Amino acid sequence: MIASAWTTKGNVTFLADKSAIVIAQGGSAELNATTFSSGTIEFDMKSPGGNVGLTFHMRGNTGDALYFRPSADCATSDDCVQYMRIDHGIFEWDLFGDNQARAPFSANTWNHVKLSVKGRSMHVWVNGVPVSAPRGHRLAGAFDSGAIKLHGPASYAHLTITPAAPTDTPERSSSAASGDAHFITRWLAANAFTMPSTFDARLSEKTGIAPSIESLPAAEAFKHVLHADPTGLVNVTAALGESQKGNAIIAAWLKTVVMSEHAQVKHVSIGWTREAWVFVNGKLVYADKNLYGIPAASKTPDGRLSLDNGAFDLPLKKGRNEIDVLLDDNFGAGAQHFGWGLMMRLPDLDGIQLPTK
């Protein structure tokens, strides 16, 4: 815990006599010459509040994060501690809303945190008590190894890293949601663009202007292949997050093809962030908003992505059916950029063939 061991950003103070680092709001400290894969990370931590914690398995600005929200009700609050993936420097808390839990974590006092990472799994303890984040102890980050970084506002002390050889490194699935074949798991995406917007007086917020199918890019523009992760999530930030910049709403077109043995209608479930328009064979069949912090346009659960967000009837003709989705990341009219994604699940696969490759 000495200055020469770290690369810092913002206001960071080293307290040599206490083996501690004090990191101000917006600051960070990355441990030099350390690549962590599997093993344990332990430290003491004190924070007045805010979103604080560490990122690990970081390569550039992509990796995993474990964050705390210190408060008086942390022991009973389901969002006291949260695990999330980071892509292109974007914290995807809204895509991983079920990866959060309560914890006996107190503000303005020292807490002991322990992470045990083995391959693609992680267990967490706070003050000796196991914490159920991430869900199923499963990591979702892009990499299995990388740097460690601490974030403020918080003080950190007595950091101990004990490396270990990975013991469970299952191959990453590139195409299918684990154990649930009803998800549409393969999509194509065109490049991201700035979404035209207008002020919605009812919501007191800027919202995207509804598109027409004529604005759909040509087929050759869909150069990005997106596969769902094991939960069924199509992570658009992972693919296009480098474009999520500036004070503007960012959008992209996604498309997929569903084959049907006969004309039929499927009532599908959909989860998304933040505004979505769904076309089937050129016709608009669904449009809705999931705007965090705006009660009239925030979906269950709490504006995060989930299959509980919505559902609609998907009309299918016999043969080939093209589904086109315009999806934007509208958070505060583009003032901030967070997780951007989609999931879509059919109730059954009777007479249906979904794309896989």
Protein backbone atom coordinates (compact mmCIF):
# COMPACT_ATOMS: atom_id res chain seq x y z
CA MET A 1 0.00 0.00 0.00
CA ILE A 2 2.70 2.44 -1.09
CA ALA A 3 2.55 5.01 -3.86
CA SER A 4 5.12 3.31 -6.10
CA ALA A 5 2.93 0.21 -6.36
CA TRP A 6 -0.03 2.02 -7.89
CA THR A 7 -1.08 4.09 -10.87
CA THR A 8 -3.58 6.65 -9.65
CA LYS A 9 -6.25 8.90 -11.12
CA GLY A 10 -7.75 11.86 -9.29
CA ASN A 11 -7.17 12.65 -5.63
CA VAL A 12 -5.44 9.68 -3.96
CA THR A 13 -3.56 9.82 -0.64
CA PHE A 14 -1.24 7.11 0.74
CA LEU A 15 -1.06 6.68 4.52
CA ALA A 16 2.14 4.71 4.99
CA ASP A 17 1.80 4.50 8.77
CA LYS A 18 -1.61 2.82 8.40
CA SER A 19 -0.94 0.81 5.22
CA ALA A 20 -3.94 2.53 3.70
CA ILE A 21 -5.04 4.38 0.59
CA VAL A 22 -7.64 7.18 0.64
CA ILE A 23 -9.35 7.67 -2.73
CA ALA A 24 -11.61 10.66 -3.29
CA GLN A 25 -14.83 10.74 -5.33
CA GLY A 26 -14.04 9.96 -8.97
CA GLY A 27 -10.54 8.74 -8.16
CA SER A 28 -9.00 5.32 -8.62
CA ALA A 29 -5.81 3.36 -7.97
CA GLU A 30 -4.68 0.49 -10.21
CA LEU A 31 -2.17 -2.00 -8.87
CA ASN A 32 0.96 -2.04 -11.02
CA ALA A 33 2.49 -5.15 -12.60
CA THR A 34 -0.25 -7.44 -11.32
CA THR A 35 -2.39 -9.77 -13.40
CA PHE A 36 -5.01 -11.52 -11.30
CA SER A 37 -6.81 -14.62 -12.52
CA SER A 38 -7.93 -17.01 -9.75
CA GLY A 39 -7.37 -16.85 -6.01
CA THR A 40 -8.48 -14.56 -3.19
CA ILE A 41 -8.56 -10.78 -2.77
CA GLU A 42 -9.05 -9.43 0.75
CA PHE A 43 -9.08 -5.88 2.06
CA ASP A 44 -10.54 -3.54 4.64
CA MET A 45 -12.71 -0.74 3.34
CA LYS A 46 -14.38 2.38 4.74
CA SER A 47 -16.62 4.73 2.79
CA PRO A 48 -19.05 7.56 3.53
CA GLY A 49 -21.36 6.46 0.70
CA GLY A 50 -21.72 6.48 -3.07
CA ASN A 51 -20.88 3.63 -5.44
CA VAL A 52 -17.49 2.27 -4.40
CA GLY A 53 -15.50 -0.93 -4.70
CA LEU A 54 -13.09 -2.63 -7.02
CA THR A 55 -12.77 -3.73 -10.61
CA PHE A 56 -10.76 -6.82 -11.57
CA HIS A 57 -9.90 -8.95 -14.57
CA MET A 58 -9.52 -5.56 -16.23
CA ARG A 59 -7.96 -5.23 -19.67
CA GLY A 60 -8.10 -1.63 -20.74
CA ASN A 61 -11.54 -0.48 -19.65
CA THR A 62 -13.31 -3.85 -19.81
CA GLY A 63 -13.66 -6.38 -16.98
CA ASP A 64 -15.63 -7.23 -13.81
CA ALA A 65 -16.77 -5.00 -10.93
CA LEU A 66 -17.94 -5.53 -7.34
CA TYR A 67 -19.51 -2.38 -5.95
CA PHE A 68 -21.02 -1.29 -2.64
CA ARG A 69 -23.61 1.35 -1.79
CA PRO A 70 -22.86 2.10 1.89
CA SER A 71 -25.99 3.09 3.79
CA ALA A 72 -27.66 2.65 7.17
CA ASP A 73 -29.92 -0.10 5.78
CA CYS A 74 -27.31 -2.13 3.87
CA ALA A 75 -28.07 -5.25 5.90
CA THR A 76 -31.68 -5.23 4.66
CA SER A 77 -31.31 -3.50 1.30
CA ASP A 78 -31.11 -5.76 -1.75
CA ASP A 79 -28.89 -3.28 -3.61
CA CYS A 80 -26.20 -2.88 -0.93
CA VAL A 81 -23.67 -4.83 -2.98
CA GLN A 82 -23.75 -5.48 -6.71
CA TYR A 83 -21.72 -7.38 -9.24
CA MET A 84 -21.66 -6.14 -12.83
CA ARG A 85 -19.78 -6.40 -16.07
CA ILE A 86 -17.91 -3.42 -17.54
CA ASP A 87 -17.41 -2.91 -21.27
CA HIS A 88 -15.70 0.10 -22.85
CA GLY A 89 -15.64 1.74 -19.41
CA ILE A 90 -19.45 1.54 -19.09
CA PHE A 91 -20.91 0.18 -15.85
CA GLU A 92 -23.71 -2.21 -16.84
CA TRP A 93 -25.60 -2.28 -13.54
CA ASP A 94 -28.94 -2.12 -15.38
CA LEU A 95 -28.19 -5.31 -17.34
CA PHE A 96 -27.26 -7.28 -14.21
CA GLY A 97 -29.93 -6.15 -11.76
CA ASP A 98 -30.38 -9.62 -10.29
CA ASN A 99 -26.68 -9.76 -9.37
CA GLN A 100 -27.16 -7.69 -6.22
CA ALA A 101 -27.74 -8.50 -2.56
CA ARG A 102 -27.92 -7.23 0.99
CA ALA A 103 -24.77 -7.30 3.12
CA PRO A 104 -23.68 -6.38 6.67
CA PHE A 105 -21.72 -3.41 5.31
CA SER A 106 -21.62 -0.23 7.39
CA ALA A 107 -20.91 3.30 6.21
CA ASN A 108 -18.13 5.35 7.78
CA THR A 109 -16.57 2.37 9.52
CA TRP A 110 -14.11 -0.34 8.52
CA ASN A 111 -15.51 -3.45 6.81
CA HIS A 112 -13.64 -6.58 5.75
CA VAL A 113 -14.29 -7.83 2.21
CA LYS A 114 -13.11 -11.13 0.73
CA LEU A 115 -13.45 -12.37 -2.85
CA SER A 116 -12.64 -15.94 -3.83
CA VAL A 117 -12.36 -16.36 -7.59
CA LYS A 118 -12.02 -19.75 -9.25
CA GLY A 119 -12.18 -19.71 -13.00
CA ARG A 120 -15.58 -18.31 -13.96
CA SER A 121 -17.04 -18.34 -10.43
CA MET A 122 -16.75 -15.96 -7.48
CA HIS A 123 -17.81 -16.10 -3.83
CA VAL A 124 -17.97 -12.95 -1.69
CA TRP A 125 -17.90 -12.41 2.07
CA VAL A 126 -18.50 -9.14 3.92
CA ASN A 127 -17.40 -9.07 7.55
CA GLY A 128 -17.31 -12.87 7.47
CA VAL A 129 -20.86 -13.26 6.13
CA PRO A 130 -21.38 -14.83 2.66
CA VAL A 131 -23.10 -12.54 0.16
CA SER A 132 -25.20 -13.85 -2.72
CA ALA A 133 -23.74 -11.71 -5.51
CA PRO A 134 -23.18 -12.47 -8.29
CA ARG A 135 -26.19 -14.69 -8.94
CA GLY A 136 -25.15 -18.30 -8.94
CA HIS A 137 -21.60 -17.09 -8.19
CA ARG A 138 -21.13 -16.81 -11.97
CA LEU A 139 -18.85 -14.17 -13.48
CA ALA A 140 -19.99 -12.50 -16.70
CA GLY A 141 -16.95 -10.41 -17.63
CA ALA A 142 -15.14 -10.57 -20.92
CA PHE A 143 -11.81 -11.82 -19.52
CA ASP A 144 -10.53 -14.47 -17.11
CA SER A 145 -7.54 -12.43 -15.97
CA GLY A 146 -6.40 -8.83 -15.76
CA ALA A 147 -5.61 -5.87 -13.55
CA ILE A 148 -7.10 -4.83 -10.19
CA LYS A 149 -8.32 -1.30 -9.55
CA LEU A 150 -9.81 0.35 -6.41
CA HIS A 151 -12.36 3.18 -6.68
CA GLY A 152 -13.42 6.07 -4.43
CA PRO A 153 -14.75 7.68 -2.41
CA ALA A 154 -13.32 5.20 0.08
CA SER A 155 -10.32 4.21 2.17
CA TYR A 156 -8.70 0.82 1.62
CA ALA A 157 -6.24 -1.00 3.88
CA HIS A 158 -4.53 -4.35 4.39
CA LEU A 159 -4.94 -5.52 0.81
CA THR A 160 -3.92 -9.17 0.39
CA ILE A 161 -3.90 -11.04 -2.92
CA THR A 162 -3.35 -14.79 -2.92
CA PRO A 163 -3.14 -16.25 -6.42
CA ALA A 164 -4.26 -19.76 -7.23
CA ALA A 165 -4.43 -21.91 -10.33
CA PRO A 166 -7.90 -21.88 -11.93
CA THR A 167 -9.88 -24.98 -10.97
CA ASP A 168 -13.04 -24.52 -13.01
CA THR A 169 -12.75 -22.87 -16.39
CA PRO A 170 -15.70 -24.07 -18.46
CA GLU A 171 -15.66 -23.10 -22.09
CA ARG A 172 -17.63 -19.97 -22.80
CA SER A 173 -20.83 -20.54 -24.71
CA SER A 174 -20.87 -18.31 -27.79
CA SER A 175 -24.33 -19.03 -29.05
CA ALA A 176 -26.97 -20.25 -26.59
CA ALA A 177 -28.60 -19.42 -23.31
CA SER A 178 -27.80 -22.19 -20.83
CA GLY A 179 -30.57 -24.75 -20.58
CA ASP A 180 -33.25 -22.57 -22.25
CA ALA A 181 -33.65 -22.96 -25.99
CA HIS A 182 -36.59 -20.52 -26.14
CA PHE A 183 -34.37 -17.41 -26.27
CA ILE A 184 -33.47 -15.83 -29.58
CA THR A 185 -29.72 -15.97 -29.16
CA ARG A 186 -28.26 -14.74 -32.45
CA TRP A 187 -28.69 -11.22 -33.81
CA LEU A 188 -26.97 -8.99 -36.33
CA ALA A 189 -26.34 -5.32 -35.57
CA ALA A 190 -25.54 -2.31 -37.71
CA ASN A 191 -23.26 0.47 -36.50
CA ALA A 192 -24.52 2.74 -33.73
CA PHE A 193 -25.72 6.28 -34.46
CA THR A 194 -27.02 9.35 -32.62
CA MET A 195 -30.74 8.94 -32.05
CA PRO A 196 -33.00 11.83 -33.12
CA SER A 197 -34.97 12.93 -30.08
CA THR A 198 -37.73 15.25 -28.96
CA PHE A 199 -38.94 16.58 -25.62
CA ASP A 200 -41.78 14.56 -24.13
CA ALA A 201 -43.79 16.94 -21.94
CA ARG A 202 -45.63 14.09 -20.22
CA LEU A 203 -42.38 12.49 -19.06
CA SER A 204 -40.40 15.77 -18.78
CA GLU A 205 -37.62 14.04 -20.67
CA LYS A 206 -36.19 13.81 -24.16
CA THR A 207 -37.14 10.58 -25.89
CA GLY A 208 -36.25 8.96 -29.18
CA ILE A 209 -38.33 9.78 -32.24
CA ALA A 210 -40.22 6.72 -33.46
CA PRO A 211 -38.52 5.28 -36.56
CA SER A 212 -40.06 4.06 -39.77
CA ILE A 213 -39.01 0.79 -41.33
CA GLU A 214 -37.70 2.82 -44.27
CA SER A 215 -34.81 3.95 -42.03
CA LEU A 216 -33.61 0.35 -41.66
CA PRO A 217 -30.04 0.10 -43.04
CA ALA A 218 -29.25 -2.11 -46.00
CA ALA A 219 -28.51 -5.76 -45.29
CA GLU A 220 -24.76 -5.33 -45.84
CA ALA A 221 -24.64 -2.76 -43.01
CA PHE A 222 -25.32 -5.46 -40.39
CA LYS A 223 -21.69 -6.43 -39.81
CA HIS A 224 -21.76 -7.20 -36.08
CA VAL A 225 -22.78 -10.68 -34.91
CA LEU A 226 -24.21 -10.66 -31.38
CA HIS A 227 -24.76 -13.84 -29.35
CA ALA A 228 -26.74 -14.08 -26.13
CA ASP A 229 -24.88 -14.87 -22.92
CA PRO A 230 -25.90 -17.88 -20.75
CA THR A 231 -28.83 -15.87 -19.28
CA GLY A 232 -30.28 -14.98 -22.68
CA LEU A 233 -28.94 -11.41 -22.60
CA VAL A 234 -27.78 -9.86 -25.87
CA ASN A 235 -25.25 -7.32 -24.58
CA VAL A 236 -25.23 -4.46 -27.08
CA THR A 237 -22.80 -2.43 -24.94
CA ALA A 238 -20.22 -5.21 -25.26
CA ALA A 239 -20.46 -4.99 -29.04
CA LEU A 240 -21.10 -1.29 -29.65
CA GLY A 241 -20.30 0.43 -26.36
CA GLU A 242 -17.38 2.32 -27.84
CA SER A 243 -20.04 4.47 -29.53
CA GLN A 244 -21.84 5.26 -26.25
CA LYS A 245 -20.24 8.65 -25.79
CA GLY A 246 -21.22 12.28 -25.59
CA ASN A 247 -24.38 14.02 -24.44
CA ALA A 248 -26.68 12.23 -26.88
CA ILE A 249 -28.92 9.19 -27.06
CA ILE A 250 -27.19 6.36 -28.96
CA ALA A 251 -29.15 3.81 -31.00
CA ALA A 252 -28.62 0.81 -33.26
CA TRP A 253 -30.66 -1.52 -35.44
CA LEU A 254 -30.63 -5.24 -34.66
CA LYS A 255 -32.08 -8.00 -36.80
CA THR A 256 -32.67 -11.73 -36.74
CA VAL A 257 -34.64 -14.32 -38.72
CA VAL A 258 -37.17 -16.83 -37.41
CA MET A 259 -38.42 -19.69 -39.56
CA SER A 260 -42.00 -20.90 -39.06
CA GLU A 261 -43.61 -24.04 -40.43
CA HIS A 262 -46.97 -22.25 -40.75
CA ALA A 263 -48.64 -18.93 -40.02
CA GLN A 264 -48.94 -18.46 -36.26
CA VAL A 265 -48.68 -15.95 -33.41
CA LYS A 266 -46.30 -16.32 -30.47
CA HIS A 267 -46.69 -14.24 -27.30
CA VAL A 268 -43.07 -13.44 -26.57
CA SER A 269 -41.40 -11.91 -23.51
CA ILE A 270 -38.97 -9.05 -24.00
CA GLY A 271 -36.46 -7.28 -21.80
CA TRP A 272 -34.57 -4.18 -22.92
CA THR A 273 -32.82 -0.92 -22.09
CA ARG A 274 -33.97 1.79 -22.85
CA GLU A 275 -36.34 2.41 -25.80
CA ALA A 276 -37.33 -0.29 -28.28
CA TRP A 277 -39.29 -0.55 -31.53
CA VAL A 278 -39.91 -4.05 -32.93
CA PHE A 279 -40.82 -4.70 -36.57
CA VAL A 280 -41.80 -8.06 -38.05
CA ASN A 281 -41.67 -8.42 -41.81
CA GLY A 282 -41.65 -4.64 -42.12
CA LYS A 283 -44.57 -3.89 -39.77
CA LEU A 284 -44.31 -2.32 -36.31
CA VAL A 285 -45.67 -4.78 -33.73
CA TYR A 286 -44.33 -3.38 -30.46
CA ALA A 287 -42.84 -0.19 -29.05
CA ASP A 288 -42.19 0.84 -25.46
CA LYS A 289 -39.82 2.59 -23.07
CA ASN A 290 -37.88 1.40 -20.03
CA LEU A 291 -36.45 4.65 -18.68
CA TYR A 292 -34.80 4.35 -15.28
CA GLY A 293 -35.95 6.87 -12.68
CA ILE A 294 -39.08 7.94 -14.59
CA PRO A 295 -42.05 6.17 -12.94
CA ALA A 296 -44.37 6.55 -15.94
CA ALA A 297 -41.82 4.89 -18.24
CA SER A 298 -39.84 2.55 -15.97
CA LYS A 299 -40.50 -1.17 -16.19
CA THR A 300 -40.38 -3.81 -13.47
CA PRO A 301 -37.91 -4.43 -11.89
CA ASP A 302 -36.90 -0.83 -11.17
CA GLY A 303 -35.99 0.07 -14.72
CA ARG A 304 -33.46 -2.74 -15.13
CA LEU A 305 -33.42 -5.23 -17.98
CA SER A 306 -35.51 -8.33 -17.30
CA LEU A 307 -38.00 -10.57 -19.07
CA ASP A 308 -40.52 -8.98 -16.73
CA ASN A 309 -40.18 -5.72 -18.70
CA GLY A 310 -42.82 -6.57 -21.27
CA ALA A 311 -44.50 -8.98 -23.72
CA PHE A 312 -46.22 -8.79 -27.09
CA ASP A 313 -47.73 -10.88 -29.88
CA LEU A 314 -45.24 -11.84 -32.57
CA PRO A 315 -47.10 -12.56 -35.85
CA LEU A 316 -45.28 -15.08 -38.02
CA LYS A 317 -46.03 -16.11 -41.57
CA LYS A 318 -45.10 -19.46 -43.07
CA GLY A 319 -41.41 -19.54 -43.93
CA ARG A 320 -38.89 -16.78 -43.30
CA ASN A 321 -39.70 -13.97 -40.86
CA GLU A 322 -37.38 -11.02 -40.32
CA ILE A 323 -37.44 -9.31 -36.92
CA ASP A 324 -35.90 -5.83 -36.82
CA VAL A 325 -35.41 -3.95 -33.55
CA LEU A 326 -34.32 -0.36 -33.09
CA LEU A 327 -32.84 -0.07 -29.61
CA ASP A 328 -31.45 3.02 -27.88
CA ASP A 329 -29.62 3.69 -24.59
CA ASN A 330 -31.65 6.71 -23.44
CA PHE A 331 -30.53 7.49 -19.89
CA GLY A 332 -31.16 11.09 -18.92
CA ALA A 333 -31.43 12.01 -22.61
CA GLY A 334 -27.85 10.87 -23.14
CA ALA A 335 -26.36 12.65 -20.12
CA GLN A 336 -24.98 9.26 -19.03
CA HIS A 337 -24.44 5.92 -20.74
CA PHE A 338 -24.96 2.60 -18.99
CA GLY A 339 -25.87 -0.94 -20.01
CA TRP A 340 -27.62 -1.35 -23.35
CA GLY A 341 -29.17 -4.68 -24.21
CA LEU A 342 -32.01 -6.92 -25.26
CA MET A 343 -33.46 -10.34 -24.54
CA MET A 344 -36.36 -12.00 -26.31
CA ARG A 345 -37.93 -15.35 -25.42
CA LEU A 346 -40.63 -17.40 -27.13
CA PRO A 347 -43.13 -19.39 -25.01
CA ASP A 348 -42.51 -22.54 -27.06
CA LEU A 349 -40.77 -23.71 -30.21
CA ASP A 350 -43.69 -25.51 -31.84
CA GLY A 351 -43.20 -25.13 -35.59
CA ILE A 352 -40.29 -22.74 -35.04
CA GLN A 353 -36.65 -22.73 -36.03
CA LEU A 354 -34.39 -20.13 -34.40
CA PRO A 355 -31.03 -18.99 -35.79
CA THR A 356 -27.92 -20.46 -34.17
CA LYS A 357 -24.96 -19.61 -36.44
